[in-house]
């Protein structure tokens, strides 16, 4: 496999002194980080960020703050090439426990989400594009049986699907360590 050349460009997400406390108890303290846009010649791509760590250290809280779903106790999150304050919907977020409707097909589950943002015809176009992008067209009408992680005796826990987004936003996910999956 030949490595593709790449360049680091402008920041697409900046965390500045982000702290979060609940009832006076600190969960996150003074988090500073910057995610740079990684570009490759002739390719259009997005950025995916993931966190891995033991349970209870604040991964999900940090992801919610980055996605604009929670306001930090102090500090700021800025996104996009313009580095504007994050608002809900600017950054995608795949939670460790994501809802799927078992009675719907893969296409129909994606359509529920797309219909929240787009008109019906446009929502269908977006879902078709996602299925194509992630090589899921053959599973378009598959019942919503969830993919699972199986290693040794651990099984049954759904995994978040792969995701990517335009370079003006990105997707974060908060996975649990495999040893905690049941």
N, C-alpha and C. Protein backbone atom coordinates (compact mmCIF):
# COMPACT_ATOMS: atom_id res chain seq x y z
N UNK A 1 0.83 -1.17 0.00
CA UNK A 1 0.00 0.00 0.00
C UNK A 1 0.88 1.24 0.00
N UNK A 2 0.61 2.15 -0.91
CA UNK A 2 1.39 3.38 -1.03
C UNK A 2 0.72 4.48 -0.22
N UNK A 3 1.50 5.17 0.57
CA UNK A 3 0.96 6.27 1.37
C UNK A 3 0.60 7.43 0.46
N UNK A 4 -0.56 8.00 0.69
CA UNK A 4 -1.01 9.17 -0.05
C UNK A 4 -0.38 10.42 0.56
N UNK A 5 0.10 11.35 -0.28
CA UNK A 5 0.62 12.61 0.29
C UNK A 5 -0.53 13.40 0.92
N UNK A 6 -0.23 14.13 1.94
CA UNK A 6 -1.25 14.92 2.61
C UNK A 6 -0.64 16.21 3.15
N UNK A 7 -1.51 17.16 3.44
CA UNK A 7 -1.11 18.44 4.03
C UNK A 7 -2.06 18.77 5.16
N UNK A 8 -1.52 19.43 6.17
CA UNK A 8 -2.34 19.97 7.23
C UNK A 8 -2.68 21.40 6.86
N UNK A 9 -3.94 21.74 6.95
CA UNK A 9 -4.40 23.09 6.60
C UNK A 9 -4.87 23.80 7.86
N UNK A 10 -5.87 24.64 7.68
CA UNK A 10 -6.40 25.45 8.78
C UNK A 10 -7.11 24.60 9.83
N UNK A 11 -7.27 25.19 10.99
CA UNK A 11 -8.03 24.54 12.07
C UNK A 11 -9.49 24.47 11.67
N UNK A 12 -10.12 23.30 11.93
CA UNK A 12 -11.56 23.17 11.70
C UNK A 12 -12.31 23.01 13.02
N UNK A 13 -11.58 22.82 14.11
CA UNK A 13 -12.18 22.80 15.44
C UNK A 13 -11.11 23.18 16.45
N UNK A 14 -11.48 24.08 17.35
CA UNK A 14 -10.55 24.51 18.39
C UNK A 14 -11.26 24.47 19.73
N UNK A 15 -10.66 23.78 20.67
CA UNK A 15 -11.11 23.76 22.07
C UNK A 15 -10.16 24.65 22.85
N UNK A 16 -10.70 25.66 23.52
CA UNK A 16 -9.87 26.59 24.30
C UNK A 16 -10.29 26.58 25.76
N UNK A 17 -9.44 26.03 26.60
CA UNK A 17 -9.66 26.01 28.05
C UNK A 17 -11.04 25.49 28.44
N UNK A 18 -11.49 24.41 27.80
CA UNK A 18 -12.81 23.85 28.06
C UNK A 18 -12.80 23.08 29.38
N UNK A 19 -13.71 23.47 30.26
CA UNK A 19 -13.90 22.79 31.54
C UNK A 19 -15.39 22.54 31.72
N UNK A 20 -15.70 21.49 32.45
CA UNK A 20 -17.10 21.16 32.73
C UNK A 20 -17.19 20.60 34.13
N UNK A 21 -18.15 21.13 34.88
CA UNK A 21 -18.41 20.64 36.23
C UNK A 21 -19.89 20.36 36.37
N UNK A 22 -20.21 19.35 37.17
CA UNK A 22 -21.58 19.04 37.52
C UNK A 22 -21.69 19.10 39.03
N UNK A 23 -22.56 19.97 39.53
CA UNK A 23 -22.78 20.13 40.97
C UNK A 23 -21.46 20.36 41.71
N UNK A 24 -20.59 21.19 41.11
CA UNK A 24 -19.33 21.53 41.74
C UNK A 24 -18.21 20.51 41.55
N UNK A 25 -18.52 19.37 40.93
CA UNK A 25 -17.51 18.33 40.70
C UNK A 25 -16.95 18.46 39.29
N UNK A 26 -15.64 18.67 39.14
CA UNK A 26 -15.06 18.79 37.79
C UNK A 26 -15.08 17.45 37.04
N UNK A 27 -15.52 17.51 35.78
CA UNK A 27 -15.51 16.34 34.91
C UNK A 27 -14.40 16.53 33.87
N UNK A 28 -14.28 17.73 33.36
CA UNK A 28 -13.21 18.10 32.42
C UNK A 28 -12.56 19.37 32.94
N UNK A 29 -11.24 19.49 32.72
CA UNK A 29 -10.57 20.68 33.20
C UNK A 29 -9.53 21.16 32.20
N UNK A 30 -9.70 22.38 31.74
CA UNK A 30 -8.74 23.09 30.89
C UNK A 30 -8.29 22.28 29.67
N UNK A 31 -9.26 21.80 28.90
CA UNK A 31 -8.95 21.05 27.68
C UNK A 31 -8.63 22.03 26.56
N UNK A 32 -7.46 21.89 25.97
CA UNK A 32 -7.04 22.69 24.82
C UNK A 32 -6.65 21.73 23.71
N UNK A 33 -7.26 21.89 22.55
CA UNK A 33 -6.93 21.03 21.42
C UNK A 33 -7.34 21.73 20.13
N UNK A 34 -6.70 21.31 19.07
CA UNK A 34 -7.05 21.85 17.76
C UNK A 34 -7.02 20.72 16.75
N UNK A 35 -8.06 20.65 15.93
CA UNK A 35 -8.14 19.66 14.87
C UNK A 35 -7.93 20.38 13.56
N UNK A 36 -6.90 19.96 12.85
CA UNK A 36 -6.56 20.61 11.58
C UNK A 36 -7.19 19.86 10.42
N UNK A 37 -7.50 20.59 9.38
CA UNK A 37 -8.03 20.01 8.16
C UNK A 37 -6.89 19.27 7.46
N UNK A 38 -7.06 18.00 7.21
CA UNK A 38 -6.06 17.20 6.50
C UNK A 38 -6.55 17.06 5.06
N UNK A 39 -5.74 17.47 4.12
CA UNK A 39 -6.14 17.41 2.72
C UNK A 39 -5.19 16.51 1.94
N UNK A 40 -5.74 15.89 0.90
CA UNK A 40 -4.96 15.05 -0.02
C UNK A 40 -5.28 15.51 -1.43
N UNK A 41 -4.27 15.63 -2.28
CA UNK A 41 -4.49 16.09 -3.66
C UNK A 41 -5.53 15.23 -4.38
N UNK A 42 -6.47 15.90 -5.03
CA UNK A 42 -7.47 15.19 -5.83
C UNK A 42 -8.54 14.47 -5.03
N UNK A 43 -8.59 14.67 -3.73
CA UNK A 43 -9.58 13.98 -2.90
C UNK A 43 -10.42 14.98 -2.13
N UNK A 44 -11.69 14.69 -2.02
CA UNK A 44 -12.58 15.45 -1.16
C UNK A 44 -12.87 14.55 0.03
N UNK A 45 -12.57 15.01 1.21
CA UNK A 45 -12.74 14.16 2.39
C UNK A 45 -13.19 14.99 3.56
N UNK A 46 -13.63 14.33 4.57
CA UNK A 46 -13.98 14.98 5.82
C UNK A 46 -13.03 14.52 6.90
N UNK A 47 -13.30 14.89 8.11
CA UNK A 47 -12.46 14.50 9.24
C UNK A 47 -13.30 13.72 10.23
N UNK A 48 -12.71 12.70 10.80
CA UNK A 48 -13.35 11.89 11.82
C UNK A 48 -12.46 11.92 13.05
N UNK A 49 -13.06 12.16 14.19
CA UNK A 49 -12.32 12.21 15.44
C UNK A 49 -12.96 11.21 16.39
N UNK A 50 -12.17 10.44 17.07
CA UNK A 50 -12.70 9.49 18.03
C UNK A 50 -11.95 9.58 19.34
N UNK A 51 -12.59 9.16 20.40
CA UNK A 51 -11.97 9.13 21.71
C UNK A 51 -12.10 7.73 22.27
N UNK A 52 -11.07 7.31 22.93
CA UNK A 52 -11.07 5.99 23.55
C UNK A 52 -10.47 6.13 24.93
N UNK A 53 -11.10 5.53 25.90
CA UNK A 53 -10.57 5.60 27.25
C UNK A 53 -11.49 4.88 28.21
N UNK A 54 -11.06 4.78 29.44
CA UNK A 54 -11.84 4.06 30.43
C UNK A 54 -13.15 4.79 30.71
N UNK A 55 -14.06 4.07 31.26
CA UNK A 55 -15.39 4.60 31.56
C UNK A 55 -15.31 5.70 32.61
N UNK A 56 -16.11 6.75 32.40
CA UNK A 56 -16.25 7.79 33.41
C UNK A 56 -15.24 8.91 33.37
N UNK A 57 -14.43 9.01 32.31
CA UNK A 57 -13.43 10.08 32.29
C UNK A 57 -13.88 11.32 31.53
N UNK A 58 -15.12 11.29 30.99
CA UNK A 58 -15.66 12.49 30.36
C UNK A 58 -15.65 12.50 28.85
N UNK A 59 -15.44 11.34 28.21
CA UNK A 59 -15.42 11.29 26.74
C UNK A 59 -16.74 11.77 26.14
N UNK A 60 -17.82 11.23 26.63
CA UNK A 60 -19.13 11.60 26.07
C UNK A 60 -19.45 13.06 26.34
N UNK A 61 -19.11 13.56 27.51
CA UNK A 61 -19.33 14.97 27.84
C UNK A 61 -18.54 15.84 26.87
N UNK A 62 -17.27 15.50 26.64
CA UNK A 62 -16.45 16.28 25.71
C UNK A 62 -17.04 16.25 24.30
N UNK A 63 -17.49 15.09 23.86
CA UNK A 63 -18.11 14.99 22.53
C UNK A 63 -19.36 15.85 22.44
N UNK A 64 -20.18 15.84 23.47
CA UNK A 64 -21.40 16.67 23.46
C UNK A 64 -21.06 18.15 23.42
N UNK A 65 -20.02 18.54 24.14
CA UNK A 65 -19.58 19.94 24.12
C UNK A 65 -19.07 20.29 22.73
N UNK A 66 -18.25 19.42 22.14
CA UNK A 66 -17.72 19.68 20.79
C UNK A 66 -18.83 19.79 19.76
N UNK A 67 -19.92 19.04 19.95
CA UNK A 67 -21.03 19.05 19.01
C UNK A 67 -22.01 20.19 19.30
N UNK A 68 -21.76 20.98 20.33
CA UNK A 68 -22.65 22.09 20.66
C UNK A 68 -23.92 21.65 21.37
N UNK A 69 -23.95 20.43 21.87
CA UNK A 69 -25.13 19.92 22.57
C UNK A 69 -25.11 20.24 24.05
N UNK A 70 -23.94 20.61 24.56
CA UNK A 70 -23.79 21.06 25.95
C UNK A 70 -22.90 22.29 25.93
N UNK A 71 -23.15 23.20 26.85
CA UNK A 71 -22.31 24.39 26.99
C UNK A 71 -21.32 24.11 28.11
N UNK A 72 -20.03 24.30 27.86
CA UNK A 72 -19.06 24.04 28.93
C UNK A 72 -19.21 25.04 30.08
N UNK A 73 -18.76 24.65 31.26
CA UNK A 73 -18.77 25.55 32.41
C UNK A 73 -17.87 26.75 32.13
N UNK A 74 -16.78 26.50 31.42
CA UNK A 74 -15.89 27.59 31.00
C UNK A 74 -15.16 27.14 29.74
N UNK A 75 -14.62 28.11 29.03
CA UNK A 75 -13.91 27.83 27.80
C UNK A 75 -14.82 27.95 26.59
N UNK A 76 -14.24 27.64 25.42
CA UNK A 76 -15.00 27.80 24.18
C UNK A 76 -14.65 26.72 23.17
N UNK A 77 -15.59 26.51 22.23
CA UNK A 77 -15.39 25.60 21.11
C UNK A 77 -15.73 26.39 19.86
N UNK A 78 -14.79 26.42 18.93
CA UNK A 78 -14.99 27.12 17.66
C UNK A 78 -14.79 26.14 16.53
N UNK A 79 -15.63 26.24 15.50
CA UNK A 79 -15.60 25.28 14.40
C UNK A 79 -15.59 25.97 13.05
N UNK A 80 -15.21 25.18 12.04
CA UNK A 80 -15.21 25.65 10.67
C UNK A 80 -13.98 26.48 10.36
N UNK A 81 -13.82 26.76 9.09
CA UNK A 81 -12.66 27.55 8.68
C UNK A 81 -12.75 28.97 9.23
N UNK A 82 -13.97 29.46 9.48
CA UNK A 82 -14.16 30.79 10.05
C UNK A 82 -14.00 30.79 11.57
N UNK A 83 -13.86 29.60 12.18
CA UNK A 83 -13.71 29.46 13.63
C UNK A 83 -14.79 30.24 14.37
N UNK A 84 -16.03 29.86 14.13
CA UNK A 84 -17.16 30.48 14.81
C UNK A 84 -17.61 29.60 15.96
N UNK A 85 -18.27 30.19 16.97
CA UNK A 85 -18.72 29.38 18.11
C UNK A 85 -19.63 28.24 17.64
N UNK A 86 -19.41 27.06 18.22
CA UNK A 86 -20.18 25.88 17.82
C UNK A 86 -21.64 26.04 18.21
N UNK A 87 -22.51 25.55 17.34
CA UNK A 87 -23.94 25.48 17.60
C UNK A 87 -24.40 24.08 17.25
N UNK A 88 -25.49 23.61 17.87
CA UNK A 88 -25.99 22.27 17.53
C UNK A 88 -26.20 22.13 16.02
N UNK A 89 -25.75 21.01 15.48
CA UNK A 89 -25.90 20.74 14.06
C UNK A 89 -24.66 21.05 13.24
N UNK A 90 -23.69 21.77 13.81
CA UNK A 90 -22.49 22.11 13.05
C UNK A 90 -21.47 20.98 13.06
N UNK A 91 -21.53 20.14 14.06
CA UNK A 91 -20.60 19.02 14.21
C UNK A 91 -21.43 17.76 14.42
N UNK A 92 -21.16 16.73 13.63
CA UNK A 92 -21.88 15.47 13.79
C UNK A 92 -21.36 14.71 15.00
N UNK A 93 -22.22 13.90 15.57
CA UNK A 93 -21.85 13.18 16.79
C UNK A 93 -22.56 11.84 16.78
N UNK A 94 -21.80 10.77 16.89
CA UNK A 94 -22.37 9.42 16.97
C UNK A 94 -22.18 8.96 18.41
N UNK A 95 -23.28 8.78 19.11
CA UNK A 95 -23.19 8.39 20.51
C UNK A 95 -22.88 6.91 20.64
N UNK A 96 -22.44 6.51 21.83
CA UNK A 96 -22.14 5.10 22.05
C UNK A 96 -23.40 4.25 22.01
N UNK A 97 -24.53 4.80 22.37
CA UNK A 97 -25.80 4.09 22.26
C UNK A 97 -26.69 4.90 21.34
N UNK A 98 -26.78 4.48 20.12
CA UNK A 98 -27.54 5.23 19.13
C UNK A 98 -28.84 4.51 18.84
N UNK A 99 -29.91 5.27 18.65
CA UNK A 99 -31.21 4.64 18.44
C UNK A 99 -31.41 4.19 16.99
N UNK A 100 -31.89 3.00 16.82
CA UNK A 100 -32.35 2.50 15.52
C UNK A 100 -33.73 1.93 15.74
N UNK A 101 -34.55 2.08 14.75
CA UNK A 101 -35.88 1.50 14.81
C UNK A 101 -35.80 0.10 14.22
N UNK A 102 -35.98 -0.92 15.05
CA UNK A 102 -35.83 -2.30 14.60
C UNK A 102 -36.84 -2.69 13.53
N UNK A 103 -37.97 -2.01 13.49
CA UNK A 103 -39.01 -2.35 12.52
C UNK A 103 -38.79 -1.65 11.17
N UNK A 104 -37.73 -0.85 11.03
CA UNK A 104 -37.46 -0.14 9.79
C UNK A 104 -36.23 -0.71 9.10
N UNK A 105 -36.15 -0.47 7.80
CA UNK A 105 -34.98 -0.87 7.03
C UNK A 105 -33.85 0.13 7.29
N UNK A 106 -32.66 -0.20 6.81
CA UNK A 106 -31.54 0.72 6.92
C UNK A 106 -31.88 2.05 6.25
N UNK A 107 -32.42 1.98 5.04
CA UNK A 107 -32.80 3.18 4.31
C UNK A 107 -33.79 4.01 5.13
N UNK A 108 -34.80 3.38 5.68
CA UNK A 108 -35.83 4.09 6.43
C UNK A 108 -35.29 4.72 7.72
N UNK A 109 -34.36 4.04 8.39
CA UNK A 109 -33.73 4.62 9.58
C UNK A 109 -32.96 5.88 9.21
N UNK A 110 -32.19 5.83 8.12
CA UNK A 110 -31.44 7.00 7.68
C UNK A 110 -32.39 8.12 7.24
N UNK A 111 -33.49 7.74 6.63
CA UNK A 111 -34.46 8.72 6.16
C UNK A 111 -35.10 9.49 7.33
N UNK A 112 -35.32 8.82 8.45
CA UNK A 112 -35.86 9.50 9.63
C UNK A 112 -34.95 10.65 10.03
N UNK A 113 -33.64 10.40 10.05
CA UNK A 113 -32.69 11.44 10.43
C UNK A 113 -32.62 12.53 9.37
N UNK A 114 -32.54 12.17 8.09
CA UNK A 114 -32.41 13.15 7.02
C UNK A 114 -33.65 14.04 6.91
N UNK A 115 -34.81 13.48 7.20
CA UNK A 115 -36.07 14.23 7.09
C UNK A 115 -36.17 15.34 8.14
N UNK A 116 -35.34 15.27 9.16
CA UNK A 116 -35.34 16.34 10.17
C UNK A 116 -34.71 17.61 9.63
N UNK A 117 -33.86 17.47 8.59
CA UNK A 117 -33.15 18.63 8.06
C UNK A 117 -33.60 19.01 6.65
N UNK A 118 -34.03 18.02 5.86
CA UNK A 118 -34.32 18.27 4.45
C UNK A 118 -35.78 17.97 4.11
N UNK A 119 -36.24 18.57 3.02
CA UNK A 119 -37.55 18.26 2.47
C UNK A 119 -37.53 16.80 2.03
N UNK A 120 -38.70 16.14 1.93
CA UNK A 120 -38.73 14.70 1.64
C UNK A 120 -37.91 14.25 0.43
N UNK A 121 -38.04 14.91 -0.70
CA UNK A 121 -37.30 14.49 -1.90
C UNK A 121 -35.80 14.66 -1.72
N UNK A 122 -35.40 15.77 -1.10
CA UNK A 122 -33.98 16.02 -0.86
C UNK A 122 -33.43 15.05 0.19
N UNK A 123 -34.23 14.72 1.18
CA UNK A 123 -33.82 13.75 2.21
C UNK A 123 -33.52 12.40 1.56
N UNK A 124 -34.38 11.97 0.65
CA UNK A 124 -34.16 10.70 -0.06
C UNK A 124 -32.85 10.74 -0.85
N UNK A 125 -32.58 11.85 -1.51
CA UNK A 125 -31.34 11.99 -2.28
C UNK A 125 -30.13 11.89 -1.36
N UNK A 126 -30.19 12.52 -0.20
CA UNK A 126 -29.07 12.46 0.75
C UNK A 126 -28.86 11.04 1.26
N UNK A 127 -29.93 10.34 1.58
CA UNK A 127 -29.82 8.97 2.06
C UNK A 127 -29.21 8.09 0.99
N UNK A 128 -29.65 8.23 -0.24
CA UNK A 128 -29.08 7.44 -1.35
C UNK A 128 -27.58 7.72 -1.48
N UNK A 129 -27.20 8.98 -1.35
CA UNK A 129 -25.78 9.35 -1.44
C UNK A 129 -24.97 8.73 -0.30
N UNK A 130 -25.52 8.73 0.92
CA UNK A 130 -24.83 8.12 2.06
C UNK A 130 -24.65 6.62 1.84
N UNK A 131 -25.69 5.96 1.39
CA UNK A 131 -25.60 4.52 1.14
C UNK A 131 -24.52 4.21 0.11
N UNK A 132 -24.47 5.00 -0.92
CA UNK A 132 -23.44 4.83 -1.97
C UNK A 132 -22.05 5.09 -1.39
N UNK A 133 -21.92 6.18 -0.65
CA UNK A 133 -20.62 6.60 -0.10
C UNK A 133 -20.01 5.53 0.80
N UNK A 134 -20.84 4.85 1.57
CA UNK A 134 -20.35 3.87 2.52
C UNK A 134 -20.58 2.43 2.08
N UNK A 135 -20.80 2.27 0.75
CA UNK A 135 -20.94 0.93 0.15
C UNK A 135 -22.04 0.11 0.83
N UNK A 136 -23.15 0.74 1.14
CA UNK A 136 -24.25 0.07 1.81
C UNK A 136 -25.47 -0.13 0.92
N UNK A 137 -25.34 0.19 -0.37
CA UNK A 137 -26.47 0.04 -1.28
C UNK A 137 -27.06 -1.36 -1.26
N UNK A 138 -26.23 -2.43 -1.20
CA UNK A 138 -26.82 -3.77 -1.16
C UNK A 138 -27.68 -4.03 0.09
N UNK A 139 -27.51 -3.22 1.12
CA UNK A 139 -28.25 -3.40 2.37
C UNK A 139 -29.39 -2.39 2.52
N UNK A 140 -29.67 -1.68 1.45
CA UNK A 140 -30.67 -0.60 1.46
C UNK A 140 -32.00 -1.03 2.08
N UNK A 141 -32.48 -2.19 1.69
CA UNK A 141 -33.78 -2.67 2.18
C UNK A 141 -33.66 -3.76 3.23
N UNK A 142 -32.47 -3.89 3.77
CA UNK A 142 -32.25 -4.87 4.83
C UNK A 142 -32.95 -4.39 6.10
N UNK A 143 -33.56 -5.31 6.79
CA UNK A 143 -34.17 -4.96 8.07
C UNK A 143 -33.08 -4.42 8.98
N UNK A 144 -33.45 -3.61 9.90
CA UNK A 144 -32.49 -2.93 10.75
C UNK A 144 -31.89 -3.85 11.80
N UNK A 145 -31.23 -4.90 11.33
CA UNK A 145 -30.47 -5.73 12.27
C UNK A 145 -29.17 -5.01 12.51
N UNK A 146 -28.85 -4.81 13.74
CA UNK A 146 -27.71 -3.98 14.08
C UNK A 146 -26.40 -4.76 13.99
N UNK A 147 -25.34 -4.12 13.48
CA UNK A 147 -24.04 -4.76 13.50
C UNK A 147 -23.57 -4.89 14.94
N UNK A 148 -22.87 -5.95 15.24
CA UNK A 148 -22.40 -6.13 16.61
C UNK A 148 -20.92 -6.44 16.64
N UNK A 149 -20.32 -6.15 17.76
CA UNK A 149 -18.91 -6.45 18.01
C UNK A 149 -18.85 -7.78 18.74
N UNK A 150 -18.04 -8.69 18.26
CA UNK A 150 -17.90 -9.97 18.93
C UNK A 150 -16.41 -10.31 19.07
N UNK A 151 -15.98 -10.47 20.28
CA UNK A 151 -14.61 -10.88 20.54
C UNK A 151 -14.66 -11.79 21.76
N UNK A 152 -14.28 -13.03 21.57
CA UNK A 152 -14.37 -13.97 22.68
C UNK A 152 -15.81 -14.09 23.11
N UNK A 153 -16.07 -13.85 24.39
CA UNK A 153 -17.44 -13.98 24.88
C UNK A 153 -18.20 -12.66 24.84
N UNK A 154 -17.54 -11.56 24.44
CA UNK A 154 -18.23 -10.27 24.38
C UNK A 154 -19.02 -10.20 23.09
N UNK A 155 -20.30 -9.88 23.18
CA UNK A 155 -21.08 -9.73 21.96
C UNK A 155 -22.35 -8.94 22.24
N UNK A 156 -22.99 -8.55 21.15
CA UNK A 156 -24.31 -7.94 21.27
C UNK A 156 -24.35 -6.44 21.36
N UNK A 157 -23.24 -5.76 21.48
CA UNK A 157 -23.25 -4.31 21.62
C UNK A 157 -23.11 -3.68 20.25
N UNK A 158 -24.08 -2.83 19.83
CA UNK A 158 -23.97 -2.21 18.51
C UNK A 158 -22.76 -1.29 18.42
N UNK A 159 -22.15 -1.25 17.27
CA UNK A 159 -21.05 -0.34 17.01
C UNK A 159 -21.55 0.84 16.20
N UNK A 160 -21.03 2.05 16.44
CA UNK A 160 -21.38 3.16 15.58
C UNK A 160 -20.85 2.89 14.17
N UNK A 161 -21.60 3.33 13.17
CA UNK A 161 -21.15 3.15 11.80
C UNK A 161 -20.08 4.18 11.49
N UNK A 162 -19.34 3.94 10.43
CA UNK A 162 -18.35 4.91 9.98
C UNK A 162 -19.06 6.17 9.58
N UNK A 163 -18.40 7.28 9.76
CA UNK A 163 -19.02 8.53 9.35
C UNK A 163 -17.94 9.49 8.93
N UNK A 164 -18.30 10.40 8.07
CA UNK A 164 -17.40 11.48 7.72
C UNK A 164 -18.24 12.66 7.32
N UNK A 165 -17.62 13.79 7.24
CA UNK A 165 -18.36 15.00 6.96
C UNK A 165 -17.48 15.94 6.15
N UNK A 166 -18.09 16.98 5.57
CA UNK A 166 -17.28 17.95 4.84
C UNK A 166 -16.24 18.56 5.76
N UNK A 167 -15.22 19.19 5.19
CA UNK A 167 -14.13 19.72 6.00
C UNK A 167 -14.55 20.88 6.89
N UNK A 168 -15.74 21.42 6.70
CA UNK A 168 -16.19 22.50 7.57
C UNK A 168 -16.83 21.96 8.83
N UNK A 169 -16.97 20.65 8.93
CA UNK A 169 -17.45 20.04 10.15
C UNK A 169 -16.85 18.65 10.23
N UNK A 170 -17.09 17.96 11.29
CA UNK A 170 -16.57 16.61 11.40
C UNK A 170 -17.44 15.82 12.34
N UNK A 171 -17.13 14.58 12.48
CA UNK A 171 -17.94 13.70 13.29
C UNK A 171 -17.11 13.18 14.44
N UNK A 172 -17.66 13.20 15.63
CA UNK A 172 -16.94 12.64 16.77
C UNK A 172 -17.75 11.49 17.31
N UNK A 173 -17.07 10.54 17.92
CA UNK A 173 -17.80 9.45 18.53
C UNK A 173 -17.18 9.08 19.84
N UNK A 174 -17.97 8.50 20.68
CA UNK A 174 -17.57 8.20 22.04
C UNK A 174 -17.71 6.71 22.29
N UNK A 175 -16.73 5.93 21.84
CA UNK A 175 -16.85 4.47 22.01
C UNK A 175 -16.50 4.03 23.42
N UNK A 176 -17.08 2.92 23.81
CA UNK A 176 -16.72 2.31 25.09
C UNK A 176 -15.64 1.27 24.82
N UNK A 177 -14.77 1.03 25.78
CA UNK A 177 -13.79 -0.04 25.60
C UNK A 177 -14.51 -1.38 25.40
N UNK A 178 -13.96 -2.24 24.57
CA UNK A 178 -14.59 -3.52 24.25
C UNK A 178 -14.87 -4.34 25.52
N UNK A 179 -14.03 -4.17 26.53
CA UNK A 179 -14.21 -4.98 27.74
C UNK A 179 -15.48 -4.61 28.49
N UNK A 180 -16.05 -3.43 28.21
CA UNK A 180 -17.28 -3.05 28.91
C UNK A 180 -18.53 -3.40 28.11
N UNK A 181 -18.35 -3.85 26.87
CA UNK A 181 -19.51 -4.20 26.04
C UNK A 181 -20.08 -5.52 26.50
N UNK A 182 -21.38 -5.62 26.56
CA UNK A 182 -22.02 -6.84 27.01
C UNK A 182 -22.85 -7.42 25.90
